[in-house]
Amino acid sequence: MIRWLRLINFKAFENQLFEFKPLTLLSGLNSTGKSSVIQSL
């Protein structure tokens, strides 16, 4: 299982840490980076 993901200078993310649990949902408005997080995986 992926526990965390750090994005540095990836698309709109300068330096962002995401921590994942056994069930993690991504939600938000358009153009906020949801697809970018999935693409980075």
Protein backbone atom coordinates (compact mmCIF):
# COMPACT_ATOMS: atom_id res chain seq x y z
CA MET A 1 0.00 0.00 0.00
CA ILE A 2 1.21 3.50 -0.81
CA ARG A 3 1.26 5.41 2.49
CA TRP A 4 2.35 8.85 1.29
CA LEU A 5 3.27 10.78 -1.83
CA ARG A 6 5.33 13.96 -2.05
CA LEU A 7 5.03 16.07 -5.19
CA ILE A 8 7.77 18.63 -5.79
CA ASN A 9 7.51 20.91 -8.84
CA PHE A 10 4.95 18.64 -10.51
CA LYS A 11 2.32 20.52 -12.52
CA ALA A 12 0.53 22.89 -10.07
CA PHE A 13 2.21 21.43 -6.96
CA GLU A 14 5.38 23.15 -5.72
CA ASN A 15 5.84 21.03 -2.59
CA GLN A 16 2.90 18.94 -1.38
CA LEU A 17 2.68 15.87 0.84
CA PHE A 18 -0.32 13.54 0.57
CA GLU A 19 -0.90 10.91 3.25
CA PHE A 20 -3.04 7.94 2.23
CA LYS A 21 -5.18 5.62 4.37
CA PRO A 22 -6.62 2.24 3.31
CA LEU A 23 -9.49 4.20 1.71
CA THR A 24 -8.65 7.64 0.32
CA LEU A 25 -10.99 9.77 -1.80
CA LEU A 26 -9.97 12.72 -3.98
CA SER A 27 -12.62 15.37 -4.44
CA GLY A 28 -12.64 19.04 -5.28
CA LEU A 29 -13.51 21.71 -7.78
CA ASN A 30 -12.38 21.65 -11.41
CA SER A 31 -8.68 22.37 -12.04
CA THR A 32 -7.56 21.76 -8.44
CA GLY A 33 -5.13 18.91 -9.18
CA LYS A 34 -7.13 15.70 -8.61
CA SER A 35 -6.08 14.21 -11.95
CA SER A 36 -2.50 15.39 -11.43
CA VAL A 37 -2.27 13.37 -8.21
CA ILE A 38 -3.52 10.26 -10.03
CA GLN A 39 -1.11 10.85 -12.94
CA SER A 40 1.82 11.16 -10.56
CA LEU A 41 1.16 7.68 -9.21
